[in-house]
Amino acid sequence: MSTFNQAQYDDLSVKAEDAYAQAKYDILLDYLSGQTGLRVFNAGCGSGELSLRLAGCGHRVIGIDPEPAYINLAQRNAVAEGIRGCSFDVCSIEAYDGPSDFDCVIATDVLEHIADDRAAFAKLVDLVKPRGLVLITVPAGPWLFGYHDDQLGHFRRYNRAMLHRLVAGACRVDEIRYFACTLIPVCYLFSKVLRRAYPVAESGDTGKRPLVARALRGLLQLERRLPLPLGTSVIFKGTRKAGTHGSAHLSGAPPIRAAA
């Protein structure tokens, strides 16, 4: 069954200009600051921008995505940037049976695309070594669910409590924070009211709209350092608990629902 989604492909095609995505990547790279040579598994790597930034920092990265067109984008980006230490494969999280025991597993804006997010998260946990790092980002605010989510095939948006329930059984929670409170009005306007795609490329284009682009990047970089109590993303940093397996926490687990 094809996993191609034109709206998602269009989004991935401008990811390099997406100030929001790049600021999220900055936060994840901050979590790895001071470490080099880590074996990193990037699930749902899309067009590969984060994987390439990780490889550029000296980490060895395996990126997977179930859609061949997205992996093709990632491979082209790797060639264009001359980045080594990074490989890409067409595969889903559920079907992956390659190397494991990674130092770090990362999934950015992936779990919302998967009906059984508990099973997918359990598989990710089992791929990281005990006390290895687990980094997750998901879209925030169930009340913001709208056109953007419909177009990209999302099953849900999360709040901090929902993500905590998902991860806490198998991982020590080091941080769960919101990000991009600045973008809530934009998200609500375009996704809930206008029902149009976000103006990602336009807002990040320093040539066409330099003042808007610089202001947006500045606000997002400020939020990178100063977490606010709401946002359009939830970001999790944690470590796999020693002696546990992700799959051990599936049996009898209650479904994750949005809090009122």
C-alpha atoms as a PDB file:
ATOM      1  CA  MET A   1       0.000   0.000   0.000  1.00  0.00           C
ATOM      2  CA  SER A   2       1.378   3.400  -0.987  1.00  0.00           C
ATOM      3  CA  THR A   3       2.339   5.769   1.813  1.00  0.00           C
ATOM      4  CA  PHE A   4       2.838   8.738  -0.524  1.00  0.00           C
ATOM      5  CA  ASN A   5       1.065  11.921   0.532  1.00  0.00           C
ATOM      6  CA  GLN A   6       1.375  14.945  -1.766  1.00  0.00           C
ATOM      7  CA  ALA A   7       0.862  17.467   1.044  1.00  0.00           C
ATOM      8  CA  GLN A   8       3.577  15.761   3.067  1.00  0.00           C
ATOM      9  CA  TYR A   9       5.914  15.632   0.068  1.00  0.00           C
ATOM     10  CA  ASP A  10       5.368  19.349  -0.518  1.00  0.00           C
ATOM     11  CA  ASP A  11       6.099  19.997   3.161  1.00  0.00           C
ATOM     12  CA  LEU A  12       9.300  17.948   3.021  1.00  0.00           C
ATOM     13  CA  SER A  13      10.416  19.724  -0.143  1.00  0.00           C
ATOM     14  CA  VAL A  14      10.665  23.045   1.744  1.00  0.00           C
ATOM     15  CA  LYS A  15      11.935  21.625   5.030  1.00  0.00           C
ATOM     16  CA  ALA A  16      15.282  23.386   4.687  1.00  0.00           C
ATOM     17  CA  GLU A  17      13.438  26.740   4.695  1.00  0.00           C
ATOM     18  CA  ASP A  18      11.095  25.730   7.523  1.00  0.00           C
ATOM     19  CA  ALA A  19      12.221  27.854  10.491  1.00  0.00           C
ATOM     20  CA  TYR A  20       9.885  25.943  12.807  1.00  0.00           C
ATOM     21  CA  ALA A  21      11.318  22.542  11.890  1.00  0.00           C
ATOM     22  CA  GLN A  22      14.903  23.768  12.012  1.00  0.00           C
ATOM     23  CA  ALA A  23      14.393  25.288  15.477  1.00  0.00           C
ATOM     24  CA  LYS A  24      13.024  21.949  16.708  1.00  0.00           C
ATOM     25  CA  TYR A  25      16.099  20.255  15.281  1.00  0.00           C
ATOM     26  CA  ASP A  26      18.237  22.787  17.152  1.00  0.00           C
ATOM     27  CA  ILE A  27      16.610  21.693  20.424  1.00  0.00           C
ATOM     28  CA  LEU A  28      17.287  18.025  19.690  1.00  0.00           C
ATOM     29  CA  LEU A  29      20.884  18.781  18.763  1.00  0.00           C
ATOM     30  CA  ASP A  30      21.208  20.721  22.020  1.00  0.00           C
ATOM     31  CA  TYR A  31      20.298  17.505  23.857  1.00  0.00           C
ATOM     32  CA  LEU A  32      23.266  15.798  22.162  1.00  0.00           C
ATOM     33  CA  SER A  33      25.666  18.670  22.736  1.00  0.00           C
ATOM     34  CA  GLY A  34      29.154  17.553  23.711  1.00  0.00           C
ATOM     35  CA  GLN A  35      28.671  14.027  22.386  1.00  0.00           C
ATOM     36  CA  THR A  36      30.153  12.720  19.144  1.00  0.00           C
ATOM     37  CA  GLY A  37      30.232   9.410  17.328  1.00  0.00           C
ATOM     38  CA  LEU A  38      26.815   8.249  18.554  1.00  0.00           C
ATOM     39  CA  ARG A  39      24.927   5.579  16.640  1.00  0.00           C
ATOM     40  CA  VAL A  40      21.585   7.230  15.939  1.00  0.00           C
ATOM     41  CA  PHE A  41      18.378   5.733  14.545  1.00  0.00           C
ATOM     42  CA  ASN A  42      16.100   8.324  12.949  1.00  0.00           C
ATOM     43  CA  ALA A  43      12.627   6.872  12.405  1.00  0.00           C
ATOM     44  CA  GLY A  44      10.426   8.543   9.819  1.00  0.00           C
ATOM     45  CA  CYS A  45      13.364  10.575   8.558  1.00  0.00           C
ATOM     46  CA  GLY A  46      11.448  12.093   5.641  1.00  0.00           C
ATOM     47  CA  SER A  47      13.694  14.209   3.432  1.00  0.00           C
ATOM     48  CA  GLY A  48      16.627  13.714   5.782  1.00  0.00           C
ATOM     49  CA  GLU A  49      17.450  17.220   7.022  1.00  0.00           C
ATOM     50  CA  LEU A  50      17.771  16.205  10.675  1.00  0.00           C
ATOM     51  CA  SER A  51      19.715  13.047   9.806  1.00  0.00           C
ATOM     52  CA  LEU A  52      22.162  15.097   7.756  1.00  0.00           C
ATOM     53  CA  ARG A  53      22.612  17.638  10.538  1.00  0.00           C
ATOM     54  CA  LEU A  54      23.290  14.780  12.977  1.00  0.00           C
ATOM     55  CA  ALA A  55      25.837  13.241  10.612  1.00  0.00           C
ATOM     56  CA  GLY A  56      27.417  16.681  10.177  1.00  0.00           C
ATOM     57  CA  CYS A  57      27.958  16.725  13.963  1.00  0.00           C
ATOM     58  CA  GLY A  58      29.924  13.478  13.757  1.00  0.00           C
ATOM     59  CA  HIS A  59      27.182  10.944  14.535  1.00  0.00           C
ATOM     60  CA  ARG A  60      26.531   7.786  12.512  1.00  0.00           C
ATOM     61  CA  VAL A  61      22.919   7.794  11.411  1.00  0.00           C
ATOM     62  CA  ILE A  62      20.476   5.286   9.966  1.00  0.00           C
ATOM     63  CA  GLY A  63      17.325   6.972   8.700  1.00  0.00           C
ATOM     64  CA  ILE A  64      14.222   5.042   7.668  1.00  0.00           C
ATOM     65  CA  ASP A  65      10.912   6.015   6.115  1.00  0.00           C
ATOM     66  CA  PRO A  66       8.229   3.802   4.562  1.00  0.00           C
ATOM     67  CA  GLU A  67       7.795   6.080   1.524  1.00  0.00           C
ATOM     68  CA  PRO A  68      10.356   5.628  -1.297  1.00  0.00           C
ATOM     69  CA  ALA A  69       9.802   9.160  -2.638  1.00  0.00           C
ATOM     70  CA  TYR A  70      10.802  10.665   0.718  1.00  0.00           C
ATOM     71  CA  ILE A  71      13.905   8.483   0.963  1.00  0.00           C
ATOM     72  CA  ASN A  72      14.803   9.554  -2.557  1.00  0.00           C
ATOM     73  CA  LEU A  73      14.633  13.175  -1.388  1.00  0.00           C
ATOM     74  CA  ALA A  74      16.875  12.338   1.579  1.00  0.00           C
ATOM     75  CA  GLN A  75      19.449  10.610  -0.598  1.00  0.00           C
ATOM     76  CA  ARG A  76      19.499  13.532  -3.056  1.00  0.00           C
ATOM     77  CA  ASN A  77      19.945  15.980  -0.184  1.00  0.00           C
ATOM     78  CA  ALA A  78      22.837  13.910   1.183  1.00  0.00           C
ATOM     79  CA  VAL A  79      24.590  13.971  -2.196  1.00  0.00           C
ATOM     80  CA  ALA A  80      23.958  17.698  -2.641  1.00  0.00           C
ATOM     81  CA  GLU A  81      25.425  18.490   0.775  1.00  0.00           C
ATOM     82  CA  GLY A  82      28.283  16.002   0.514  1.00  0.00           C
ATOM     83  CA  ILE A  83      27.400  14.457   3.873  1.00  0.00           C
ATOM     84  CA  ARG A  84      28.752  11.040   4.820  1.00  0.00           C
ATOM     85  CA  GLY A  85      28.081   8.878   7.855  1.00  0.00           C
ATOM     86  CA  CYS A  86      24.385   8.693   7.079  1.00  0.00           C
ATOM     87  CA  SER A  87      22.375   5.952   5.321  1.00  0.00           C
ATOM     88  CA  PHE A  88      18.709   5.876   4.330  1.00  0.00           C
ATOM     89  CA  ASP A  89      16.415   2.892   3.857  1.00  0.00           C
ATOM     90  CA  VAL A  90      12.795   2.426   2.819  1.00  0.00           C
ATOM     91  CA  CYS A  91      11.192   0.764   5.842  1.00  0.00           C
ATOM     92  CA  SER A  92       8.517   1.324   8.473  1.00  0.00           C
ATOM     93  CA  ILE A  93       9.208   1.290  12.208  1.00  0.00           C
ATOM     94  CA  GLU A  94       7.101  -1.838  12.589  1.00  0.00           C
ATOM     95  CA  ALA A  95       8.926  -3.752   9.825  1.00  0.00           C
ATOM     96  CA  TYR A  96      12.474  -2.710  10.720  1.00  0.00           C
ATOM     97  CA  ASP A  97      14.694  -5.705  11.534  1.00  0.00           C
ATOM     98  CA  GLY A  98      18.173  -4.263  10.997  1.00  0.00           C
ATOM     99  CA  PRO A  99      20.875  -3.329  13.528  1.00  0.00           C
ATOM    100  CA  SER A 100      19.749  -2.251  16.986  1.00  0.00           C
ATOM    101  CA  ASP A 101      21.382  -1.304  20.287  1.00  0.00           C
ATOM    102  CA  PHE A 102      21.593   2.342  19.189  1.00  0.00           C
ATOM    103  CA  ASP A 103      22.905   5.070  21.447  1.00  0.00           C
ATOM    104  CA  CYS A 104      19.952   7.272  20.508  1.00  0.00           C
ATOM    105  CA  VAL A 105      16.624   6.890  18.711  1.00  0.00           C
ATOM    106  CA  ILE A 106      14.763   9.891  17.322  1.00  0.00           C
ATOM    107  CA  ALA A 107      11.293  10.289  15.832  1.00  0.00           C
ATOM    108  CA  THR A 108      10.265  13.810  14.841  1.00  0.00           C
ATOM    109  CA  ASP A 109       6.587  14.295  13.990  1.00  0.00           C
ATOM    110  CA  VAL A 110       6.090  10.586  13.289  1.00  0.00           C
ATOM    111  CA  LEU A 111       3.917   8.977  15.987  1.00  0.00           C
ATOM    112  CA  GLU A 112       0.878  11.078  15.082  1.00  0.00           C
ATOM    113  CA  HIS A 113       0.861   9.334  11.667  1.00  0.00           C
ATOM    114  CA  ILE A 114       0.601   5.859  13.234  1.00  0.00           C
ATOM    115  CA  ALA A 115      -2.693   4.401  14.443  1.00  0.00           C
ATOM    116  CA  ASP A 116      -1.024   2.283  17.146  1.00  0.00           C
ATOM    117  CA  ASP A 117       1.458   4.782  18.527  1.00  0.00           C
ATOM    118  CA  ARG A 118       2.080   2.611  21.611  1.00  0.00           C
ATOM    119  CA  ALA A 119       3.356  -0.297  19.529  1.00  0.00           C
ATOM    120  CA  ALA A 120       5.511   2.028  17.420  1.00  0.00           C
ATOM    121  CA  PHE A 121       7.007   3.693  20.480  1.00  0.00           C
ATOM    122  CA  ALA A 122       7.662   0.295  22.071  1.00  0.00           C
ATOM    123  CA  LYS A 123       9.601  -0.771  18.978  1.00  0.00           C
ATOM    124  CA  LEU A 124      11.669   2.409  19.113  1.00  0.00           C
ATOM    125  CA  VAL A 125      12.517   1.815  22.772  1.00  0.00           C
ATOM    126  CA  ASP A 126      13.621  -1.740  21.998  1.00  0.00           C
ATOM    127  CA  LEU A 127      16.034  -0.406  19.356  1.00  0.00           C
ATOM    128  CA  VAL A 128      17.967   1.775  21.811  1.00  0.00           C
ATOM    129  CA  LYS A 129      20.411   0.310  24.294  1.00  0.00           C
ATOM    130  CA  PRO A 130      19.630   0.433  28.044  1.00  0.00           C
ATOM    131  CA  ARG A 131      20.107   3.997  29.305  1.00  0.00           C
ATOM    132  CA  GLY A 132      20.231   5.140  25.683  1.00  0.00           C
ATOM    133  CA  LEU A 133      18.587   8.395  24.675  1.00  0.00           C
ATOM    134  CA  VAL A 134      15.058   8.612  23.248  1.00  0.00           C
ATOM    135  CA  LEU A 135      13.979  11.875  21.574  1.00  0.00           C
ATOM    136  CA  ILE A 136      10.421  12.398  20.330  1.00  0.00           C
ATOM    137  CA  THR A 137       8.522  15.368  18.892  1.00  0.00           C
ATOM    138  CA  VAL A 138       4.794  15.378  18.127  1.00  0.00           C
ATOM    139  CA  PRO A 139       2.269  18.094  17.212  1.00  0.00           C
ATOM    140  CA  ALA A 140       0.661  19.671  20.266  1.00  0.00           C
ATOM    141  CA  GLY A 141      -2.864  20.751  21.119  1.00  0.00           C
ATOM    142  CA  PRO A 142      -5.705  18.308  20.369  1.00  0.00           C
ATOM    143  CA  TRP A 143      -7.929  21.382  20.099  1.00  0.00           C
ATOM    144  CA  LEU A 144      -5.803  22.559  17.125  1.00  0.00           C
ATOM    145  CA  PHE A 145      -6.548  19.427  15.080  1.00  0.00           C
ATOM    146  CA  GLY A 146      -7.661  20.698  11.667  1.00  0.00           C
ATOM    147  CA  TYR A 147      -6.883  21.003   7.967  1.00  0.00           C
ATOM    148  CA  HIS A 148      -3.130  20.568   8.399  1.00  0.00           C
ATOM    149  CA  ASP A 149      -3.622  17.303  10.295  1.00  0.00           C
ATOM    150  CA  ASP A 150      -6.214  15.995   7.841  1.00  0.00           C
ATOM    151  CA  GLN A 151      -3.948  16.727   4.880  1.00  0.00           C
ATOM    152  CA  LEU A 152      -0.918  15.055   6.432  1.00  0.00           C
ATOM    153  CA  GLY A 153      -2.788  11.980   7.663  1.00  0.00           C
ATOM    154  CA  HIS A 154      -2.525  12.573  11.404  1.00  0.00           C
ATOM    155  CA  PHE A 155      -4.467  10.391  13.823  1.00  0.00           C
ATOM    156  CA  ARG A 156      -4.064  12.790  16.733  1.00  0.00           C
ATOM    157  CA  ARG A 157      -2.323  15.762  18.284  1.00  0.00           C
ATOM    158  CA  TYR A 158      -0.892  15.432  21.803  1.00  0.00           C
ATOM    159  CA  ASN A 159      -0.621  17.383  24.988  1.00  0.00           C
ATOM    160  CA  ARG A 160       2.123  16.952  27.550  1.00  0.00           C
ATOM    161  CA  ALA A 161       0.095  14.532  29.699  1.00  0.00           C
ATOM    162  CA  MET A 162      -0.704  12.298  26.709  1.00  0.00           C
ATOM    163  CA  LEU A 163       2.934  12.067  25.705  1.00  0.00           C
ATOM    164  CA  HIS A 164       3.972  11.415  29.298  1.00  0.00           C
ATOM    165  CA  ARG A 165       1.554   8.463  29.499  1.00  0.00           C
ATOM    166  CA  LEU A 166       2.979   7.083  26.274  1.00  0.00           C
ATOM    167  CA  VAL A 167       6.640   7.194  27.277  1.00  0.00           C
ATOM    168  CA  ALA A 168       6.800   6.864  31.071  1.00  0.00           C
ATOM    169  CA  GLY A 169       6.527   3.077  31.341  1.00  0.00           C
ATOM    170  CA  ALA A 170       9.671   2.298  29.394  1.00  0.00           C
ATOM    171  CA  CYS A 171      11.680   5.509  29.759  1.00  0.00           C
ATOM    172  CA  ARG A 172      12.914   7.816  32.462  1.00  0.00           C
ATOM    173  CA  VAL A 173      11.443  11.189  31.666  1.00  0.00           C
ATOM    174  CA  ASP A 174      14.181  13.804  31.577  1.00  0.00           C
ATOM    175  CA  GLU A 175      12.121  16.544  29.944  1.00  0.00           C
ATOM    176  CA  ILE A 176       8.752  17.044  28.293  1.00  0.00           C
ATOM    177  CA  ARG A 177       8.287  20.578  27.042  1.00  0.00           C
ATOM    178  CA  TYR A 178       6.136  22.580  24.688  1.00  0.00           C
ATOM    179  CA  PHE A 179       7.592  24.510  21.787  1.00  0.00           C
ATOM    180  CA  ALA A 180       6.403  27.234  19.395  1.00  0.00           C
ATOM    181  CA  CYS A 181       3.746  28.985  21.435  1.00  0.00           C
ATOM    182  CA  THR A 182       4.420  31.843  19.004  1.00  0.00           C
ATOM    183  CA  LEU A 183       2.833  29.846  16.177  1.00  0.00           C
ATOM    184  CA  ILE A 184      -0.459  28.941  17.893  1.00  0.00           C
ATOM    185  CA  PRO A 185      -2.364  31.870  16.308  1.00  0.00           C
ATOM    186  CA  VAL A 186      -0.981  30.978  12.852  1.00  0.00           C
ATOM    187  CA  CYS A 187      -1.812  27.301  13.327  1.00  0.00           C
ATOM    188  CA  TYR A 188      -5.347  28.091  14.468  1.00  0.00           C
ATOM    189  CA  LEU A 189      -5.982  30.591  11.668  1.00  0.00           C
ATOM    190  CA  PHE A 190      -4.736  28.450   8.780  1.00  0.00           C
ATOM    191  CA  SER A 191      -5.750  24.988   9.996  1.00  0.00           C
ATOM    192  CA  LYS A 192      -9.023  25.703  11.817  1.00  0.00           C
ATOM    193  CA  VAL A 193     -10.412  28.880  10.226  1.00  0.00           C
ATOM    194  CA  LEU A 194      -9.044  29.276   6.690  1.00  0.00           C
ATOM    195  CA  ARG A 195      -8.432  25.533   6.202  1.00  0.00           C
ATOM    196  CA  ARG A 196      -5.349  26.192   4.120  1.00  0.00           C
ATOM    197  CA  ALA A 197      -1.770  24.944   4.156  1.00  0.00           C
ATOM    198  CA  TYR A 198       0.675  26.754   6.426  1.00  0.00           C
ATOM    199  CA  PRO A 199       2.748  29.426   4.614  1.00  0.00           C
ATOM    200  CA  VAL A 200       6.000  27.630   5.431  1.00  0.00           C
ATOM    201  CA  ALA A 201       8.125  28.619   2.446  1.00  0.00           C
ATOM    202  CA  GLU A 202       6.898  32.224   2.372  1.00  0.00           C
ATOM    203  CA  SER A 203       7.434  32.892   6.058  1.00  0.00           C
ATOM    204  CA  GLY A 204      10.946  31.440   6.023  1.00  0.00           C
ATOM    205  CA  ASP A 205      12.130  33.175   2.846  1.00  0.00           C
ATOM    206  CA  THR A 206      14.650  35.816   3.915  1.00  0.00           C
ATOM    207  CA  GLY A 207      14.813  37.124   0.349  1.00  0.00           C
ATOM    208  CA  LYS A 208      11.120  37.811  -0.216  1.00  0.00           C
ATOM    209  CA  ARG A 209      10.034  38.587   3.341  1.00  0.00           C
ATOM    210  CA  PRO A 210      13.199  39.382   5.302  1.00  0.00           C
ATOM    211  CA  LEU A 211      11.500  41.089   8.251  1.00  0.00           C
ATOM    212  CA  VAL A 212       8.946  38.309   8.733  1.00  0.00           C
ATOM    213  CA  ALA A 213      11.577  35.589   8.354  1.00  0.00           C
ATOM    214  CA  ARG A 214      13.995  37.195  10.790  1.00  0.00           C
ATOM    215  CA  ALA A 215      11.291  37.921  13.358  1.00  0.00           C
ATOM    216  CA  LEU A 216      10.008  34.340  13.160  1.00  0.00           C
ATOM    217  CA  ARG A 217      13.466  32.838  13.514  1.00  0.00           C
ATOM    218  CA  GLY A 218      14.262  35.148  16.403  1.00  0.00           C
ATOM    219  CA  LEU A 219      11.082  34.271  18.305  1.00  0.00           C
ATOM    220  CA  LEU A 220      11.585  30.541  17.761  1.00  0.00           C
ATOM    221  CA  GLN A 221      15.201  30.720  18.900  1.00  0.00           C
ATOM    222  CA  LEU A 222      14.046  32.550  22.032  1.00  0.00           C
ATOM    223  CA  GLU A 223      11.521  29.782  22.729  1.00  0.00           C
ATOM    224  CA  ARG A 224      14.245  27.226  22.122  1.00  0.00           C
ATOM    225  CA  ARG A 225      15.903  28.510  25.299  1.00  0.00           C
ATOM    226  CA  LEU A 226      12.812  29.604  27.262  1.00  0.00           C
ATOM    227  CA  PRO A 227      10.038  26.975  27.183  1.00  0.00           C
ATOM    228  CA  LEU A 228       6.500  28.349  27.466  1.00  0.00           C
ATOM    229  CA  PRO A 229       3.430  26.576  28.935  1.00  0.00           C
ATOM    230  CA  LEU A 230       1.807  25.992  25.512  1.00  0.00           C
ATOM    231  CA  GLY A 231       2.988  25.328  21.988  1.00  0.00           C
ATOM    232  CA  THR A 232       2.320  23.659  18.659  1.00  0.00           C
ATOM    233  CA  SER A 233       4.813  20.881  19.433  1.00  0.00           C
ATOM    234  CA  VAL A 234       5.581  18.671  22.416  1.00  0.00           C
ATOM    235  CA  ILE A 235       9.183  17.519  22.742  1.00  0.00           C
ATOM    236  CA  PHE A 236      10.326  14.584  24.866  1.00  0.00           C
ATOM    237  CA  LYS A 237      13.814  13.731  26.038  1.00  0.00           C
ATOM    238  CA  GLY A 238      14.259  10.539  28.009  1.00  0.00           C
ATOM    239  CA  THR A 239      16.420   7.487  28.584  1.00  0.00           C
ATOM    240  CA  ARG A 240      15.467   3.855  28.289  1.00  0.00           C
ATOM    241  CA  LYS A 241      15.142   2.274  31.712  1.00  0.00           C
ATOM    242  CA  ALA A 242      17.668  -0.477  32.340  1.00  0.00           C
ATOM    243  CA  GLY A 243      16.159  -3.954  32.303  1.00  0.00           C
ATOM    244  CA  THR A 244      12.980  -2.925  30.494  1.00  0.00           C
ATOM    245  CA  HIS A 245      11.603  -3.577  27.035  1.00  0.00           C
ATOM    246  CA  GLY A 246       9.191  -1.293  25.254  1.00  0.00           C
ATOM    247  CA  SER A 247       6.935  -4.205  24.319  1.00  0.00           C
ATOM    248  CA  ALA A 248       6.588  -5.176  27.989  1.00  0.00           C
ATOM    249  CA  HIS A 249       4.483  -2.054  28.563  1.00  0.00           C
ATOM    250  CA  LEU A 250       1.891  -2.782  25.869  1.00  0.00           C
ATOM    251  CA  SER A 251      -0.211  -5.425  27.572  1.00  0.00           C
ATOM    252  CA  GLY A 252      -3.303  -3.975  29.150  1.00  0.00           C
ATOM    253  CA  ALA A 253      -2.157  -0.398  28.522  1.00  0.00           C
ATOM    254  CA  PRO A 254      -5.022   2.072  28.356  1.00  0.00           C
ATOM    255  CA  PRO A 255      -5.544   3.964  25.104  1.00  0.00           C
ATOM    256  CA  ILE A 256      -4.128   7.458  24.923  1.00  0.00           C
ATOM    257  CA  ARG A 257      -6.819  10.116  24.715  1.00  0.00           C
ATOM    258  CA  ALA A 258      -6.718  13.836  24.706  1.00  0.00           C
ATOM    259  CA  ALA A 259      -7.293  15.512  28.021  1.00  0.00           C
ATOM    260  CA  ALA A 260     -10.286  17.827  28.188  1.00  0.00           C
END
